[in-house]
PDB file of N, CA and C in Angstrom:
ATOM      1  N   MET A   1       0.819  -1.183   0.000  1.00  0.00           N
ATOM      2  CA  MET A   1       0.000   0.000   0.000  1.00  0.00           C
ATOM      3  C   MET A   1       0.866   1.250   0.000  1.00  0.00           C
ATOM      4  N   ALA A   2       1.968   1.222   0.740  1.00  0.00           N
ATOM      5  CA  ALA A   2       2.861   2.376   0.775  1.00  0.00           C
ATOM      6  C   ALA A   2       3.485   2.607  -0.590  1.00  0.00           C
ATOM      7  N   GLY A   3       3.736   1.543  -1.328  1.00  0.00           N
ATOM      8  CA  GLY A   3       4.304   1.660  -2.668  1.00  0.00           C
ATOM      9  C   GLY A   3       3.377   2.397  -3.616  1.00  0.00           C
ATOM     10  N   LYS A   4       2.082   2.157  -3.482  1.00  0.00           N
ATOM     11  CA  LYS A   4       1.117   2.826  -4.352  1.00  0.00           C
ATOM     12  C   LYS A   4       1.085   4.326  -4.080  1.00  0.00           C
ATOM     13  N   SER A   5       1.153   4.729  -2.826  1.00  0.00           N
ATOM     14  CA  SER A   5       1.095   6.160  -2.517  1.00  0.00           C
ATOM     15  C   SER A   5       2.353   6.868  -3.002  1.00  0.00           C
ATOM     16  N   LYS A   6       3.510   6.208  -2.936  1.00  0.00           N
ATOM     17  CA  LYS A   6       4.736   6.807  -3.450  1.00  0.00           C
ATOM     18  C   LYS A   6       4.663   6.959  -4.964  1.00  0.00           C
ATOM     19  N   ALA A   7       4.107   5.961  -5.642  1.00  0.00           N
ATOM     20  CA  ALA A   7       3.987   6.031  -7.093  1.00  0.00           C
ATOM     21  C   ALA A   7       3.030   7.155  -7.499  1.00  0.00           C
ATOM     22  N   ALA A   8       1.938   7.292  -6.770  1.00  0.00           N
ATOM     23  CA  ALA A   8       0.984   8.360  -7.075  1.00  0.00           C
ATOM     24  C   ALA A   8       1.604   9.725  -6.834  1.00  0.00           C
ATOM     25  N   ALA A   9       2.391   9.855  -5.787  1.00  0.00           N
ATOM     26  CA  ALA A   9       3.064  11.130  -5.496  1.00  0.00           C
ATOM     27  C   ALA A   9       4.089  11.444  -6.574  1.00  0.00           C
ATOM     28  N   ALA A  10       4.790  10.437  -7.039  1.00  0.00           N
ATOM     29  CA  ALA A  10       5.791  10.645  -8.085  1.00  0.00           C
ATOM     30  C   ALA A  10       5.134  11.087  -9.392  1.00  0.00           C
ATOM     31  N   GLU A  11       3.977  10.544  -9.697  1.00  0.00           N
ATOM     32  CA  GLU A  11       3.280  10.917 -10.923  1.00  0.00           C
ATOM     33  C   GLU A  11       2.747  12.341 -10.859  1.00  0.00           C
ATOM     34  N   SER A  12       2.402  12.811  -9.682  1.00  0.00           N
ATOM     35  CA  SER A  12       1.831  14.140  -9.572  1.00  0.00           C
ATOM     36  C   SER A  12       2.891  15.234  -9.654  1.00  0.00           C
ATOM     37  N   VAL A  13       4.164  14.885  -9.462  1.00  0.00           N
ATOM     38  CA  VAL A  13       5.244  15.862  -9.571  1.00  0.00           C
ATOM     39  C   VAL A  13       5.543  16.073 -11.048  1.00  0.00           C
ATOM     40  N   SER A  14       5.532  17.323 -11.455  1.00  0.00           N
ATOM     41  CA  SER A  14       5.766  17.662 -12.844  1.00  0.00           C
ATOM     42  C   SER A  14       7.239  17.522 -13.199  1.00  0.00           C
ATOM     43  N   THR A  15       7.517  16.884 -14.313  1.00  0.00           N
ATOM     44  CA  THR A  15       8.881  16.728 -14.770  1.00  0.00           C
ATOM     45  C   THR A  15       9.377  18.000 -15.456  1.00  0.00           C
ATOM     46  N   TYR A  16       8.480  18.688 -16.136  1.00  0.00           N
ATOM     47  CA  TYR A  16       8.825  19.901 -16.866  1.00  0.00           C
ATOM     48  C   TYR A  16       7.889  21.037 -16.453  1.00  0.00           C
ATOM     49  N   PRO A  17       8.048  21.574 -15.244  1.00  0.00           N
ATOM     50  CA  PRO A  17       7.094  22.582 -14.765  1.00  0.00           C
ATOM     51  C   PRO A  17       7.088  23.871 -15.596  1.00  0.00           C
ATOM     52  N   ASN A  18       8.253  24.297 -16.091  1.00  0.00           N
ATOM     53  CA  ASN A  18       8.291  25.526 -16.886  1.00  0.00           C
ATOM     54  C   ASN A  18       7.563  25.352 -18.211  1.00  0.00           C
ATOM     55  N   LEU A  19       7.753  24.211 -18.838  1.00  0.00           N
ATOM     56  CA  LEU A  19       7.070  23.935 -20.092  1.00  0.00           C
ATOM     57  C   LEU A  19       5.564  23.853 -19.871  1.00  0.00           C
ATOM     58  N   GLU A  20       5.142  23.178 -18.827  1.00  0.00           N
ATOM     59  CA  GLU A  20       3.716  23.073 -18.525  1.00  0.00           C
ATOM     60  C   GLU A  20       3.111  24.444 -18.247  1.00  0.00           C
ATOM     61  N   ARG A  21       3.820  25.268 -17.488  1.00  0.00           N
ATOM     62  CA  ARG A  21       3.331  26.612 -17.167  1.00  0.00           C
ATOM     63  C   ARG A  21       3.193  27.443 -18.446  1.00  0.00           C
ATOM     64  N   PHE A  22       4.195  27.350 -19.324  1.00  0.00           N
ATOM     65  CA  PHE A  22       4.144  28.085 -20.581  1.00  0.00           C
ATOM     66  C   PHE A  22       2.953  27.652 -21.422  1.00  0.00           C
ATOM     67  N   LEU A  23       2.746  26.343 -21.537  1.00  0.00           N
ATOM     68  CA  LEU A  23       1.656  25.836 -22.358  1.00  0.00           C
ATOM     69  C   LEU A  23       0.291  26.182 -21.777  1.00  0.00           C
ATOM     70  N   GLU A  24       0.192  26.248 -20.460  1.00  0.00           N
ATOM     71  CA  GLU A  24      -1.077  26.599 -19.831  1.00  0.00           C
ATOM     72  C   GLU A  24      -1.427  28.065 -20.056  1.00  0.00           C
ATOM     73  N   GLN A  25      -0.415  28.908 -20.169  1.00  0.00           N
ATOM     74  CA  GLN A  25      -0.652  30.342 -20.295  1.00  0.00           C
ATOM     75  C   GLN A  25      -0.538  30.840 -21.732  1.00  0.00           C
ATOM     76  N   ALA A  26       0.070  30.073 -22.600  1.00  0.00           N
ATOM     77  CA  ALA A  26       0.378  30.536 -23.947  1.00  0.00           C
ATOM     78  C   ALA A  26      -0.805  30.408 -24.890  1.00  0.00           C
ATOM     79  N   ASP A  27      -0.775  31.244 -25.906  1.00  0.00           N
ATOM     80  CA  ASP A  27      -1.689  31.074 -27.025  1.00  0.00           C
ATOM     81  C   ASP A  27      -0.831  30.819 -28.264  1.00  0.00           C
ATOM     82  N   ARG A  28      -1.454  30.678 -29.388  1.00  0.00           N
ATOM     83  CA  ARG A  28      -0.719  30.338 -30.610  1.00  0.00           C
ATOM     84  C   ARG A  28       0.339  31.407 -30.940  1.00  0.00           C
ATOM     85  N   ASN A  29       0.039  32.669 -30.711  1.00  0.00           N
ATOM     86  CA  ASN A  29       0.987  33.740 -31.014  1.00  0.00           C
ATOM     87  C   ASN A  29       2.196  33.705 -30.089  1.00  0.00           C
ATOM     88  N   SER A  30       2.009  33.300 -28.857  1.00  0.00           N
ATOM     89  CA  SER A  30       3.122  33.221 -27.911  1.00  0.00           C
ATOM     90  C   SER A  30       4.161  32.220 -28.382  1.00  0.00           C
ATOM     91  N   VAL A  31       3.701  31.142 -28.953  1.00  0.00           N
ATOM     92  CA  VAL A  31       4.623  30.122 -29.460  1.00  0.00           C
ATOM     93  C   VAL A  31       5.451  30.706 -30.605  1.00  0.00           C
ATOM     94  N   ALA A  32       4.814  31.465 -31.485  1.00  0.00           N
ATOM     95  CA  ALA A  32       5.527  32.071 -32.613  1.00  0.00           C
ATOM     96  C   ALA A  32       6.517  33.131 -32.138  1.00  0.00           C
ATOM     97  N   LYS A  33       6.134  33.909 -31.148  1.00  0.00           N
ATOM     98  CA  LYS A  33       7.000  34.975 -30.636  1.00  0.00           C
ATOM     99  C   LYS A  33       8.186  34.438 -29.851  1.00  0.00           C
ATOM    100  N   LEU A  34       8.032  33.270 -29.279  1.00  0.00           N
ATOM    101  CA  LEU A  34       9.048  32.711 -28.394  1.00  0.00           C
ATOM    102  C   LEU A  34      10.423  32.644 -29.064  1.00  0.00           C
ATOM    103  N   PHE A  35      10.464  32.225 -30.305  1.00  0.00           N
ATOM    104  CA  PHE A  35      11.729  32.022 -30.994  1.00  0.00           C
ATOM    105  C   PHE A  35      11.999  33.066 -32.077  1.00  0.00           C
ATOM    106  N   GLY A  36      11.147  34.059 -32.214  1.00  0.00           N
ATOM    107  CA  GLY A  36      11.274  35.029 -33.292  1.00  0.00           C
ATOM    108  C   GLY A  36      12.618  35.724 -33.359  1.00  0.00           C
ATOM    109  N   ALA A  37      13.069  36.319 -32.270  1.00  0.00           N
ATOM    110  CA  ALA A  37      14.335  37.055 -32.266  1.00  0.00           C
ATOM    111  C   ALA A  37      15.516  36.126 -32.515  1.00  0.00           C
ATOM    112  N   THR A  38      15.469  34.949 -31.924  1.00  0.00           N
ATOM    113  CA  THR A  38      16.563  33.994 -32.106  1.00  0.00           C
ATOM    114  C   THR A  38      16.665  33.560 -33.562  1.00  0.00           C
ATOM    115  N   LYS A  39      15.515  33.305 -34.177  1.00  0.00           N
ATOM    116  CA  LYS A  39      15.521  32.887 -35.580  1.00  0.00           C
ATOM    117  C   LYS A  39      16.093  33.979 -36.480  1.00  0.00           C
ATOM    118  N   LYS A  40      15.739  35.233 -36.209  1.00  0.00           N
ATOM    119  CA  LYS A  40      16.266  36.334 -37.029  1.00  0.00           C
ATOM    120  C   LYS A  40      17.783  36.420 -36.920  1.00  0.00           C
ATOM    121  N   LYS A  41      18.310  36.264 -35.705  1.00  0.00           N
ATOM    122  CA  LYS A  41      19.759  36.321 -35.512  1.00  0.00           C
ATOM    123  C   LYS A  41      20.452  35.152 -36.200  1.00  0.00           C
ATOM    124  N   LEU A  42      19.850  33.977 -36.120  1.00  0.00           N
ATOM    125  CA  LEU A  42      20.443  32.803 -36.762  1.00  0.00           C
ATOM    126  C   LEU A  42      20.422  32.930 -38.276  1.00  0.00           C
ATOM    127  N   GLU A  43      19.355  33.496 -38.820  1.00  0.00           N
ATOM    128  CA  GLU A  43      19.253  33.676 -40.277  1.00  0.00           C
ATOM    129  C   GLU A  43      20.292  34.666 -40.788  1.00  0.00           C
ATOM    130  N   ALA A  44      20.720  35.587 -39.948  1.00  0.00           N
ATOM    131  CA  ALA A  44      21.696  36.592 -40.346  1.00  0.00           C
ATOM    132  C   ALA A  44      23.123  36.068 -40.328  1.00  0.00           C
ATOM    133  N   LEU A  45      23.357  34.939 -39.695  1.00  0.00           N
ATOM    134  CA  LEU A  45      24.717  34.400 -39.616  1.00  0.00           C
ATOM    135  C   LEU A  45      25.183  33.901 -40.980  1.00  0.00           C
ATOM    136  N   SER A  46      26.450  34.088 -41.221  1.00  0.00           N
ATOM    137  CA  SER A  46      27.038  33.589 -42.464  1.00  0.00           C
ATOM    138  C   SER A  46      28.445  33.083 -42.161  1.00  0.00           C
ATOM    139  N   GLY A  47      29.089  32.594 -43.165  1.00  0.00           N
ATOM    140  CA  GLY A  47      30.454  32.103 -43.003  1.00  0.00           C
ATOM    141  C   GLY A  47      30.490  30.746 -42.337  1.00  0.00           C
ATOM    142  N   ALA A  48      31.454  30.572 -41.461  1.00  0.00           N
ATOM    143  CA  ALA A  48      31.682  29.272 -40.809  1.00  0.00           C
ATOM    144  C   ALA A  48      30.542  28.881 -39.880  1.00  0.00           C
ATOM    145  N   LYS A  49      29.798  29.857 -39.391  1.00  0.00           N
ATOM    146  CA  LYS A  49      28.708  29.563 -38.456  1.00  0.00           C
ATOM    147  C   LYS A  49      27.392  29.235 -39.158  1.00  0.00           C
ATOM    148  N   ALA A  50      27.326  29.433 -40.447  1.00  0.00           N
ATOM    149  CA  ALA A  50      26.081  29.229 -41.198  1.00  0.00           C
ATOM    150  C   ALA A  50      25.556  27.790 -41.121  1.00  0.00           C
ATOM    151  N   PRO A  51      26.393  26.756 -41.288  1.00  0.00           N
ATOM    152  CA  PRO A  51      25.854  25.390 -41.191  1.00  0.00           C
ATOM    153  C   PRO A  51      25.250  25.073 -39.825  1.00  0.00           C
ATOM    154  N   GLY A  52      25.904  25.525 -38.764  1.00  0.00           N
ATOM    155  CA  GLY A  52      25.364  25.312 -37.420  1.00  0.00           C
ATOM    156  C   GLY A  52      24.072  26.072 -37.213  1.00  0.00           C
ATOM    157  N   ALA A  53      24.014  27.280 -37.760  1.00  0.00           N
ATOM    158  CA  ALA A  53      22.799  28.093 -37.651  1.00  0.00           C
ATOM    159  C   ALA A  53      21.653  27.426 -38.390  1.00  0.00           C
ATOM    160  N   LYS A  54      21.947  26.839 -39.546  1.00  0.00           N
ATOM    161  CA  LYS A  54      20.915  26.166 -40.341  1.00  0.00           C
ATOM    162  C   LYS A  54      20.339  24.969 -39.575  1.00  0.00           C
ATOM    163  N   LYS A  55      21.205  24.210 -38.921  1.00  0.00           N
ATOM    164  CA  LYS A  55      20.755  23.059 -38.129  1.00  0.00           C
ATOM    165  C   LYS A  55      19.922  23.525 -36.929  1.00  0.00           C
ATOM    166  N   THR A  56      20.357  24.610 -36.318  1.00  0.00           N
ATOM    167  CA  THR A  56      19.628  25.145 -35.171  1.00  0.00           C
ATOM    168  C   THR A  56      18.254  25.641 -35.595  1.00  0.00           C
ATOM    169  N   LEU A  57      18.175  26.288 -36.751  1.00  0.00           N
ATOM    170  CA  LEU A  57      16.884  26.748 -37.272  1.00  0.00           C
ATOM    171  C   LEU A  57      15.943  25.575 -37.530  1.00  0.00           C
ATOM    172  N   ALA A  58      16.482  24.491 -38.061  1.00  0.00           N
ATOM    173  CA  ALA A  58      15.656  23.303 -38.296  1.00  0.00           C
ATOM    174  C   ALA A  58      15.135  22.742 -36.978  1.00  0.00           C
ATOM    175  N   ALA A  59      15.982  22.743 -35.957  1.00  0.00           N
ATOM    176  CA  ALA A  59      15.559  22.257 -34.639  1.00  0.00           C
ATOM    177  C   ALA A  59      14.492  23.168 -34.042  1.00  0.00           C
ATOM    178  N   ILE A  60      14.655  24.471 -34.192  1.00  0.00           N
ATOM    179  CA  ILE A  60      13.669  25.418 -33.671  1.00  0.00           C
ATOM    180  C   ILE A  60      12.331  25.231 -34.367  1.00  0.00           C
ATOM    181  N   GLU A  61      12.353  25.014 -35.668  1.00  0.00           N
ATOM    182  CA  GLU A  61      11.104  24.781 -36.405  1.00  0.00           C
ATOM    183  C   GLU A  61      10.385  23.534 -35.889  1.00  0.00           C
ATOM    184  N   LYS A  62      11.147  22.505 -35.589  1.00  0.00           N
ATOM    185  CA  LYS A  62      10.552  21.271 -35.051  1.00  0.00           C
ATOM    186  C   LYS A  62       9.954  21.526 -33.673  1.00  0.00           C
ATOM    187  N   VAL A  63      10.663  22.282 -32.828  1.00  0.00           N
ATOM    188  CA  VAL A  63      10.157  22.608 -31.496  1.00  0.00           C
ATOM    189  C   VAL A  63       8.876  23.434 -31.616  1.00  0.00           C
ATOM    190  N   GLU A  64       8.859  24.398 -32.537  1.00  0.00           N
ATOM    191  CA  GLU A  64       7.651  25.204 -32.751  1.00  0.00           C
ATOM    192  C   GLU A  64       6.476  24.327 -33.169  1.00  0.00           C
ATOM    193  N   GLU A  65       6.755  23.365 -34.031  1.00  0.00           N
ATOM    194  CA  GLU A  65       5.715  22.437 -34.477  1.00  0.00           C
ATOM    195  C   GLU A  65       5.176  21.615 -33.302  1.00  0.00           C
ATOM    196  N   LEU A  66       6.078  21.101 -32.488  1.00  0.00           N
ATOM    197  CA  LEU A  66       5.665  20.302 -31.329  1.00  0.00           C
ATOM    198  C   LEU A  66       4.891  21.135 -30.305  1.00  0.00           C
ATOM    199  N   LEU A  67       5.348  22.357 -30.051  1.00  0.00           N
ATOM    200  CA  LEU A  67       4.624  23.236 -29.124  1.00  0.00           C
ATOM    201  C   LEU A  67       3.244  23.568 -29.673  1.00  0.00           C
ATOM    202  N   GLY A  68       3.142  23.744 -30.987  1.00  0.00           N
ATOM    203  CA  GLY A  68       1.845  23.991 -31.605  1.00  0.00           C
ATOM    204  C   GLY A  68       0.902  22.810 -31.411  1.00  0.00           C
ATOM    205  N   GLU A  69       1.438  21.611 -31.555  1.00  0.00           N
ATOM    206  CA  GLU A  69       0.619  20.418 -31.342  1.00  0.00           C
ATOM    207  C   GLU A  69       0.183  20.301 -29.883  1.00  0.00           C
ATOM    208  N   LEU A  70       1.091  20.596 -28.956  1.00  0.00           N
ATOM    209  CA  LEU A  70       0.739  20.559 -27.536  1.00  0.00           C
ATOM    210  C   LEU A  70      -0.330  21.605 -27.223  1.00  0.00           C
ATOM    211  N   TYR A  71      -0.225  22.749 -27.850  1.00  0.00           N
ATOM    212  CA  TYR A  71      -1.234  23.789 -27.661  1.00  0.00           C
ATOM    213  C   TYR A  71      -2.599  23.283 -28.144  1.00  0.00           C
ATOM    214  N   GLN A  72      -2.632  22.634 -29.301  1.00  0.00           N
ATOM    215  CA  GLN A  72      -3.894  22.099 -29.816  1.00  0.00           C
ATOM    216  C   GLN A  72      -4.462  21.029 -28.902  1.00  0.00           C
ATOM    217  N   VAL A  73      -3.612  20.204 -28.329  1.00  0.00           N
ATOM    218  CA  VAL A  73      -4.071  19.183 -27.380  1.00  0.00           C
ATOM    219  C   VAL A  73      -4.705  19.856 -26.171  1.00  0.00           C
ATOM    220  N   ARG A  74      -4.056  20.914 -25.670  1.00  0.00           N
ATOM    221  CA  ARG A  74      -4.616  21.632 -24.523  1.00  0.00           C
ATOM    222  C   ARG A  74      -5.986  22.207 -24.854  1.00  0.00           C
ATOM    223  N   VAL A  75      -6.130  22.792 -26.034  1.00  0.00           N
ATOM    224  CA  VAL A  75      -7.417  23.365 -26.446  1.00  0.00           C
ATOM    225  C   VAL A  75      -8.478  22.273 -26.517  1.00  0.00           C
ATOM    226  N   ARG A  76      -8.116  21.124 -27.109  1.00  0.00           N
ATOM    227  CA  ARG A  76      -9.077  20.011 -27.201  1.00  0.00           C
ATOM    228  C   ARG A  76      -9.474  19.496 -25.834  1.00  0.00           C
ATOM    229  N   MET A  77      -8.519  19.412 -24.919  1.00  0.00           N
ATOM    230  CA  MET A  77      -8.819  18.938 -23.567  1.00  0.00           C
ATOM    231  C   MET A  77      -9.759  19.915 -22.855  1.00  0.00           C
ATOM    232  N   GLU A  78      -9.531  21.210 -23.037  1.00  0.00           N
ATOM    233  CA  GLU A  78     -10.415  22.205 -22.422  1.00  0.00           C
ATOM    234  C   GLU A  78     -11.819  22.111 -23.003  1.00  0.00           C
ATOM    235  N   GLU A  79     -11.920  21.913 -24.314  1.00  0.00           N
ATOM    236  CA  GLU A  79     -13.232  21.768 -24.951  1.00  0.00           C
ATOM    237  C   GLU A  79     -13.946  20.519 -24.451  1.00  0.00           C
ATOM    238  N   ASP A  80     -13.208  19.425 -24.337  1.00  0.00           N
ATOM    239  CA  ASP A  80     -13.808  18.184 -23.835  1.00  0.00           C
ATOM    240  C   ASP A  80     -14.290  18.346 -22.398  1.00  0.00           C
ATOM    241  N   ALA A  81     -13.498  19.046 -21.590  1.00  0.00           N
ATOM    242  CA  ALA A  81     -13.899  19.273 -20.196  1.00  0.00           C
ATOM    243  C   ALA A  81     -15.163  20.136 -20.130  1.00  0.00           C
ATOM    244  N   ARG A  82     -15.234  21.134 -20.996  1.00  0.00           N
ATOM    245  CA  ARG A  82     -16.436  21.986 -21.036  1.00  0.00           C
ATOM    246  C   ARG A  82     -17.666  21.183 -21.463  1.00  0.00           C
ATOM    247  N   LYS A  83     -17.493  20.339 -22.467  1.00  0.00           N
ATOM    248  CA  LYS A  83     -18.601  19.510 -22.933  1.00  0.00           C
ATOM    249  C   LYS A  83     -19.045  18.538 -21.845  1.00  0.00           C
ATOM    250  N   ALA A  84     -18.076  17.987 -21.119  1.00  0.00           N
ATOM    251  CA  ALA A  84     -18.420  17.045 -20.039  1.00  0.00           C
ATOM    252  C   ALA A  84     -19.194  17.746 -18.935  1.00  0.00           C
ATOM    253  N   LYS A  85     -18.847  18.980 -18.646  1.00  0.00           N
ATOM    254  CA  LYS A  85     -19.560  19.729 -17.620  1.00  0.00           C
ATOM    255  C   LYS A  85     -20.990  20.005 -18.053  1.00  0.00           C
ATOM    256  N   THR A  86     -21.194  20.355 -19.307  1.00  0.00           N
ATOM    257  CA  THR A  86     -22.543  20.671 -19.773  1.00  0.00           C
ATOM    258  C   THR A  86     -23.416  19.421 -19.870  1.00  0.00           C
ATOM    259  N   THR A  87     -22.812  18.269 -20.157  1.00  0.00           N
ATOM    260  CA  THR A  87     -23.612  17.042 -20.242  1.00  0.00           C
ATOM    261  C   THR A  87     -23.979  16.498 -18.865  1.00  0.00           C
ATOM    262  N   ARG A  88     -23.176  16.831 -17.834  1.00  0.00           N
ATOM    263  CA  ARG A  88     -23.484  16.368 -16.482  1.00  0.00           C
ATOM    264  C   ARG A  88     -24.652  17.114 -15.877  1.00  0.00           C
ATOM    265  N   ARG A  89     -24.889  18.297 -16.323  1.00  0.00           N
ATOM    266  CA  ARG A  89     -25.946  19.106 -15.729  1.00  0.00           C
ATOM    267  C   ARG A  89     -27.288  18.656 -16.133  1.00  0.00           C
TER     268      ARG A  89
END
């Protein structure tokens, strides 16, 4: 029985609290703004740093895509919760 309570406590602790907080408060525009300045600086790089900048830009685009998907999941979960509340009444 003690093992179950420890497992439940471990599950309730957030592994990525900053990411969760951002996603709870962010809207679609916040995700786009998050990396805007960094992307502009990376796009301006040339010479020996250009290949690394290109790889970093690709990684940022993937992160933006994933954050966008997480945002959509949050919106769907909120809609489902609202629908569940209205059907219970």
